[in-house]
């Protein structure tokens, strides 16, 4: 599995369209800046069939440092939640198994199958 960077996306868009790379870079950066600006305001961004970005408030909590076992208070903070849209969810599913529950084969059964083969 590869990591795709913003530069990679800009290059792909420029290659697939007749738009020059600097223009694509400006548009992509402006899009990302607008997403951040709207999330800062607390607005919800909905891109039909792609997904929804929204800001959620995480409550303050008490945690524990695993090394020292000391209790630490973690303050409340805002975070971004992304909910996958229908088309993205469907495109990520394997078409052969879409809508079917996954079948889990117990480890003992897998070992027995190997011994028999």
N, C-alpha and C. Protein backbone atom coordinates (compact mmCIF):
# COMPACT_ATOMS: atom_id res chain seq x y z
N UNK A 1 0.85 -1.16 0.00
CA UNK A 1 0.00 0.00 0.00
C UNK A 1 0.90 1.24 0.00
N UNK A 2 0.65 2.13 -0.91
CA UNK A 2 1.49 3.31 -1.08
C UNK A 2 0.89 4.53 -0.39
N UNK A 3 1.74 5.51 -0.11
CA UNK A 3 1.30 6.79 0.42
C UNK A 3 1.24 7.78 -0.74
N UNK A 4 0.10 8.41 -0.92
CA UNK A 4 -0.08 9.39 -1.98
C UNK A 4 -0.04 10.77 -1.35
N UNK A 5 0.82 11.63 -1.85
CA UNK A 5 0.95 12.98 -1.30
C UNK A 5 0.12 13.97 -2.11
N UNK A 6 0.04 15.18 -1.57
CA UNK A 6 -0.67 16.25 -2.28
C UNK A 6 0.00 16.50 -3.63
N UNK A 7 1.31 16.45 -3.67
CA UNK A 7 2.05 16.64 -4.92
C UNK A 7 1.66 15.57 -5.94
N UNK A 8 1.55 14.31 -5.50
CA UNK A 8 1.15 13.23 -6.40
C UNK A 8 -0.24 13.50 -6.99
N UNK A 9 -1.17 13.92 -6.14
CA UNK A 9 -2.52 14.22 -6.62
C UNK A 9 -2.52 15.37 -7.62
N UNK A 10 -1.75 16.40 -7.32
CA UNK A 10 -1.66 17.55 -8.23
C UNK A 10 -1.11 17.11 -9.58
N UNK A 11 -0.06 16.29 -9.57
CA UNK A 11 0.51 15.79 -10.82
C UNK A 11 -0.49 14.95 -11.61
N UNK A 12 -1.24 14.09 -10.92
CA UNK A 12 -2.24 13.26 -11.60
C UNK A 12 -3.32 14.11 -12.24
N UNK A 13 -3.82 15.11 -11.50
CA UNK A 13 -4.88 15.97 -12.04
C UNK A 13 -4.36 16.75 -13.23
N UNK A 14 -3.15 17.28 -13.14
CA UNK A 14 -2.57 18.03 -14.25
C UNK A 14 -2.39 17.14 -15.48
N UNK A 15 -1.97 15.88 -15.27
CA UNK A 15 -1.79 14.96 -16.39
C UNK A 15 -3.11 14.57 -17.05
N UNK A 16 -4.17 14.43 -16.25
CA UNK A 16 -5.46 13.96 -16.78
C UNK A 16 -6.30 15.08 -17.37
N UNK A 17 -5.92 16.33 -17.10
CA UNK A 17 -6.66 17.47 -17.64
C UNK A 17 -5.72 18.32 -18.48
N UNK A 18 -6.25 19.37 -19.04
CA UNK A 18 -5.41 20.28 -19.83
C UNK A 18 -4.96 21.47 -18.97
N UNK A 19 -5.20 21.37 -17.67
CA UNK A 19 -4.85 22.46 -16.75
C UNK A 19 -3.39 22.35 -16.35
N UNK A 20 -2.70 23.48 -16.33
CA UNK A 20 -1.28 23.48 -15.98
C UNK A 20 -1.09 23.22 -14.49
N UNK A 21 0.04 22.60 -14.16
CA UNK A 21 0.33 22.18 -12.79
C UNK A 21 0.24 23.31 -11.77
N UNK A 22 0.80 24.50 -12.02
CA UNK A 22 0.69 25.58 -11.02
C UNK A 22 -0.76 25.99 -10.74
N UNK A 23 -1.60 25.95 -11.75
CA UNK A 23 -3.02 26.28 -11.56
C UNK A 23 -3.70 25.20 -10.73
N UNK A 24 -3.42 23.94 -11.02
CA UNK A 24 -4.00 22.84 -10.25
C UNK A 24 -3.55 22.94 -8.80
N UNK A 25 -2.27 23.25 -8.59
CA UNK A 25 -1.73 23.37 -7.23
C UNK A 25 -2.46 24.47 -6.46
N UNK A 26 -2.70 25.59 -7.10
CA UNK A 26 -3.40 26.70 -6.46
C UNK A 26 -4.83 26.31 -6.10
N UNK A 27 -5.53 25.64 -7.01
CA UNK A 27 -6.91 25.24 -6.77
C UNK A 27 -6.99 24.21 -5.64
N UNK A 28 -6.12 23.21 -5.67
CA UNK A 28 -6.14 22.18 -4.63
C UNK A 28 -5.83 22.80 -3.27
N UNK A 29 -4.83 23.69 -3.21
CA UNK A 29 -4.48 24.33 -1.94
C UNK A 29 -5.62 25.21 -1.44
N UNK A 30 -6.27 25.93 -2.33
CA UNK A 30 -7.40 26.77 -1.93
C UNK A 30 -8.55 25.92 -1.40
N UNK A 31 -8.80 24.78 -2.05
CA UNK A 31 -9.84 23.87 -1.59
C UNK A 31 -9.54 23.41 -0.16
N UNK A 32 -8.32 22.97 0.09
CA UNK A 32 -7.93 22.51 1.43
C UNK A 32 -8.02 23.64 2.45
N UNK A 33 -7.60 24.84 2.06
CA UNK A 33 -7.69 25.99 2.96
C UNK A 33 -9.14 26.29 3.32
N UNK A 34 -10.04 26.19 2.35
CA UNK A 34 -11.46 26.45 2.61
C UNK A 34 -12.06 25.38 3.53
N UNK A 35 -11.65 24.13 3.35
CA UNK A 35 -12.12 23.06 4.25
C UNK A 35 -11.70 23.38 5.68
N UNK A 36 -10.44 23.75 5.87
CA UNK A 36 -9.93 24.08 7.20
C UNK A 36 -10.66 25.29 7.78
N UNK A 37 -10.87 26.32 6.97
CA UNK A 37 -11.55 27.54 7.42
C UNK A 37 -12.96 27.21 7.91
N UNK A 38 -13.69 26.42 7.16
CA UNK A 38 -15.06 26.08 7.55
C UNK A 38 -15.10 25.20 8.79
N UNK A 39 -14.16 24.27 8.91
CA UNK A 39 -14.11 23.44 10.12
C UNK A 39 -13.75 24.27 11.34
N UNK A 40 -12.87 25.26 11.18
CA UNK A 40 -12.53 26.17 12.30
C UNK A 40 -13.77 26.89 12.80
N UNK A 41 -14.66 27.25 11.87
CA UNK A 41 -15.90 27.95 12.24
C UNK A 41 -16.91 27.01 12.89
N UNK A 42 -16.63 25.71 12.85
CA UNK A 42 -17.55 24.73 13.41
C UNK A 42 -18.58 24.23 12.42
N UNK A 43 -18.41 24.58 11.15
CA UNK A 43 -19.36 24.17 10.12
C UNK A 43 -19.14 22.72 9.71
N UNK A 44 -20.18 22.11 9.20
CA UNK A 44 -20.17 20.74 8.72
C UNK A 44 -20.01 20.80 7.20
N UNK A 45 -19.08 20.01 6.64
CA UNK A 45 -18.90 19.99 5.19
C UNK A 45 -19.41 18.66 4.65
N UNK A 46 -20.37 18.74 3.75
CA UNK A 46 -20.95 17.53 3.18
C UNK A 46 -20.69 17.48 1.69
N UNK A 47 -20.00 16.43 1.27
CA UNK A 47 -19.74 16.19 -0.15
C UNK A 47 -20.54 14.94 -0.51
N UNK A 48 -21.66 15.13 -1.18
CA UNK A 48 -22.59 14.03 -1.48
C UNK A 48 -21.84 12.82 -2.03
N UNK A 49 -22.16 11.66 -1.50
CA UNK A 49 -21.62 10.36 -1.88
C UNK A 49 -20.13 10.18 -1.56
N UNK A 50 -19.44 11.24 -1.20
CA UNK A 50 -18.03 11.14 -0.82
C UNK A 50 -17.92 10.98 0.69
N UNK A 51 -18.48 11.96 1.42
CA UNK A 51 -18.45 11.88 2.87
C UNK A 51 -18.73 13.21 3.52
N UNK A 52 -18.71 13.20 4.86
CA UNK A 52 -19.03 14.38 5.65
C UNK A 52 -17.91 14.62 6.66
N UNK A 53 -17.44 15.85 6.71
CA UNK A 53 -16.48 16.28 7.73
C UNK A 53 -17.25 17.11 8.75
N UNK A 54 -17.05 16.82 10.03
CA UNK A 54 -17.65 17.67 11.05
C UNK A 54 -16.76 17.72 12.28
N UNK A 55 -16.89 18.82 13.02
CA UNK A 55 -16.09 19.03 14.22
C UNK A 55 -16.85 18.45 15.41
N UNK A 56 -16.14 17.68 16.22
CA UNK A 56 -16.72 17.10 17.43
C UNK A 56 -15.91 17.56 18.63
N UNK A 57 -16.59 17.72 19.75
CA UNK A 57 -15.94 18.10 21.00
C UNK A 57 -15.63 16.83 21.79
N UNK A 58 -14.37 16.62 22.13
CA UNK A 58 -14.00 15.48 22.98
C UNK A 58 -13.96 15.96 24.41
N UNK A 59 -14.58 15.22 25.30
CA UNK A 59 -14.66 15.61 26.71
C UNK A 59 -13.30 15.44 27.39
N UNK A 60 -13.11 16.23 28.44
CA UNK A 60 -11.91 16.08 29.26
C UNK A 60 -11.96 14.70 29.92
N UNK A 61 -10.79 14.12 30.14
CA UNK A 61 -10.76 12.79 30.75
C UNK A 61 -9.49 12.61 31.55
N UNK A 62 -9.48 11.56 32.31
CA UNK A 62 -8.31 11.20 33.10
C UNK A 62 -7.64 10.02 32.42
N UNK A 63 -6.33 10.09 32.21
CA UNK A 63 -5.58 9.03 31.55
C UNK A 63 -4.42 8.61 32.45
N UNK A 64 -3.66 7.63 31.98
CA UNK A 64 -2.55 7.13 32.78
C UNK A 64 -1.31 7.02 31.91
N UNK A 65 -0.19 7.53 32.41
CA UNK A 65 1.08 7.39 31.72
C UNK A 65 1.52 5.93 31.86
N UNK A 66 1.69 5.21 30.75
CA UNK A 66 2.01 3.78 30.84
C UNK A 66 3.38 3.48 31.46
N UNK A 67 4.33 4.42 31.37
CA UNK A 67 5.66 4.19 31.94
C UNK A 67 5.66 4.38 33.46
N UNK A 68 5.10 5.50 33.89
CA UNK A 68 5.16 5.85 35.32
C UNK A 68 3.90 5.48 36.08
N UNK A 69 2.85 5.11 35.34
CA UNK A 69 1.53 4.81 35.93
C UNK A 69 0.93 6.01 36.65
N UNK A 70 1.45 7.18 36.36
CA UNK A 70 0.94 8.42 36.96
C UNK A 70 -0.34 8.85 36.26
N UNK A 71 -1.33 9.31 37.00
CA UNK A 71 -2.59 9.80 36.44
C UNK A 71 -2.35 11.18 35.83
N UNK A 72 -2.91 11.39 34.65
CA UNK A 72 -2.75 12.64 33.93
C UNK A 72 -4.12 13.11 33.47
N UNK A 73 -4.40 14.38 33.64
CA UNK A 73 -5.67 14.95 33.16
C UNK A 73 -5.48 15.39 31.71
N UNK A 74 -6.34 14.90 30.84
CA UNK A 74 -6.32 15.28 29.43
C UNK A 74 -7.45 16.29 29.22
N UNK A 75 -7.12 17.51 28.74
CA UNK A 75 -8.16 18.53 28.59
C UNK A 75 -9.11 18.22 27.42
N UNK A 76 -10.27 18.85 27.44
CA UNK A 76 -11.23 18.73 26.35
C UNK A 76 -10.61 19.34 25.10
N UNK A 77 -10.97 18.82 23.94
CA UNK A 77 -10.47 19.39 22.70
C UNK A 77 -11.44 19.14 21.56
N UNK A 78 -11.26 19.93 20.51
CA UNK A 78 -12.07 19.76 19.31
C UNK A 78 -11.29 18.88 18.34
N UNK A 79 -12.01 18.00 17.65
CA UNK A 79 -11.38 17.12 16.67
C UNK A 79 -12.31 16.99 15.46
N UNK A 80 -11.78 16.50 14.35
CA UNK A 80 -12.56 16.36 13.13
C UNK A 80 -12.94 14.90 12.94
N UNK A 81 -14.21 14.69 12.64
CA UNK A 81 -14.73 13.36 12.37
C UNK A 81 -15.08 13.30 10.88
N UNK A 82 -14.76 12.18 10.25
CA UNK A 82 -15.12 11.99 8.84
C UNK A 82 -16.00 10.76 8.74
N UNK A 83 -17.16 10.92 8.12
CA UNK A 83 -18.06 9.80 7.90
C UNK A 83 -18.09 9.53 6.40
N UNK A 84 -17.79 8.30 6.02
CA UNK A 84 -17.68 7.91 4.62
C UNK A 84 -19.05 7.94 3.95
N UNK A 85 -19.08 8.45 2.72
CA UNK A 85 -20.31 8.51 1.94
C UNK A 85 -20.59 7.20 1.22
N UNK A 86 -21.79 7.10 0.67
CA UNK A 86 -22.26 5.87 0.05
C UNK A 86 -21.38 5.40 -1.11
N UNK A 87 -21.08 6.26 -2.07
CA UNK A 87 -20.29 5.84 -3.23
C UNK A 87 -18.88 5.43 -2.83
N UNK A 88 -18.26 6.15 -1.90
CA UNK A 88 -16.93 5.78 -1.47
C UNK A 88 -16.97 4.43 -0.76
N UNK A 89 -17.93 4.25 0.12
CA UNK A 89 -18.05 2.98 0.85
C UNK A 89 -18.24 1.82 -0.12
N UNK A 90 -19.11 2.00 -1.10
CA UNK A 90 -19.36 0.94 -2.08
C UNK A 90 -18.14 0.68 -2.96
N UNK A 91 -17.39 1.71 -3.31
CA UNK A 91 -16.22 1.50 -4.16
C UNK A 91 -15.09 0.81 -3.41
N UNK A 92 -15.07 0.93 -2.09
CA UNK A 92 -14.04 0.27 -1.30
C UNK A 92 -14.35 -1.19 -1.02
N UNK A 93 -15.61 -1.57 -1.15
CA UNK A 93 -16.00 -2.96 -0.92
C UNK A 93 -15.64 -3.80 -2.13
N UNK A 94 -15.34 -5.07 -1.89
CA UNK A 94 -15.07 -6.01 -2.97
C UNK A 94 -16.40 -6.33 -3.64
N UNK A 95 -16.55 -6.15 -4.95
CA UNK A 95 -17.84 -6.41 -5.61
C UNK A 95 -18.35 -7.84 -5.40
N UNK A 96 -17.47 -8.81 -5.25
CA UNK A 96 -17.90 -10.20 -5.08
C UNK A 96 -18.53 -10.42 -3.71
N UNK A 97 -18.13 -9.61 -2.72
CA UNK A 97 -18.65 -9.82 -1.37
C UNK A 97 -19.57 -8.70 -0.91
N UNK A 98 -19.93 -7.78 -1.81
CA UNK A 98 -20.77 -6.66 -1.42
C UNK A 98 -22.09 -7.14 -0.85
N UNK A 99 -22.40 -6.66 0.35
CA UNK A 99 -23.66 -6.98 0.98
C UNK A 99 -23.68 -8.33 1.69
N UNK A 100 -22.63 -9.12 1.56
CA UNK A 100 -22.60 -10.43 2.21
C UNK A 100 -21.74 -10.33 3.47
N UNK A 101 -22.15 -10.98 4.56
CA UNK A 101 -21.32 -10.95 5.76
C UNK A 101 -20.04 -11.75 5.55
N UNK A 102 -18.97 -11.30 6.20
CA UNK A 102 -17.70 -11.99 6.09
C UNK A 102 -17.79 -13.34 6.80
N UNK A 103 -17.19 -14.36 6.20
CA UNK A 103 -17.16 -15.68 6.81
C UNK A 103 -15.81 -15.85 7.49
N UNK A 104 -15.85 -16.10 8.79
CA UNK A 104 -14.62 -16.27 9.55
C UNK A 104 -14.42 -17.75 9.79
N UNK A 105 -13.27 -18.28 9.36
CA UNK A 105 -12.96 -19.69 9.54
C UNK A 105 -12.08 -19.81 10.78
N UNK A 106 -12.50 -20.58 11.78
CA UNK A 106 -11.70 -20.74 12.98
C UNK A 106 -10.32 -21.31 12.66
N UNK A 107 -9.32 -20.96 13.47
CA UNK A 107 -7.94 -21.40 13.25
C UNK A 107 -7.84 -22.92 13.23
N UNK A 108 -8.58 -23.61 14.10
CA UNK A 108 -8.53 -25.08 14.14
C UNK A 108 -8.97 -25.67 12.81
N UNK A 109 -9.99 -25.09 12.20
CA UNK A 109 -10.48 -25.58 10.92
C UNK A 109 -9.45 -25.37 9.82
N UNK A 110 -8.73 -24.24 9.86
CA UNK A 110 -7.69 -23.98 8.85
C UNK A 110 -6.57 -24.98 8.98
N UNK A 111 -6.15 -25.29 10.22
CA UNK A 111 -5.08 -26.26 10.46
C UNK A 111 -5.52 -27.64 9.98
N UNK A 112 -6.75 -28.03 10.29
CA UNK A 112 -7.27 -29.33 9.88
C UNK A 112 -7.32 -29.43 8.36
N UNK A 113 -7.68 -28.36 7.69
CA UNK A 113 -7.75 -28.36 6.23
C UNK A 113 -6.36 -28.56 5.64
N UNK A 114 -5.33 -27.97 6.24
CA UNK A 114 -3.96 -28.12 5.74
C UNK A 114 -3.47 -29.54 5.93
N UNK A 115 -3.81 -30.15 7.07
CA UNK A 115 -3.38 -31.52 7.35
C UNK A 115 -4.01 -32.49 6.36
N UNK A 116 -5.27 -32.30 6.02
CA UNK A 116 -5.99 -33.18 5.10
C UNK A 116 -5.46 -33.05 3.68
N UNK A 117 -4.97 -31.90 3.28
CA UNK A 117 -4.56 -31.64 1.91
C UNK A 117 -3.26 -32.29 1.57
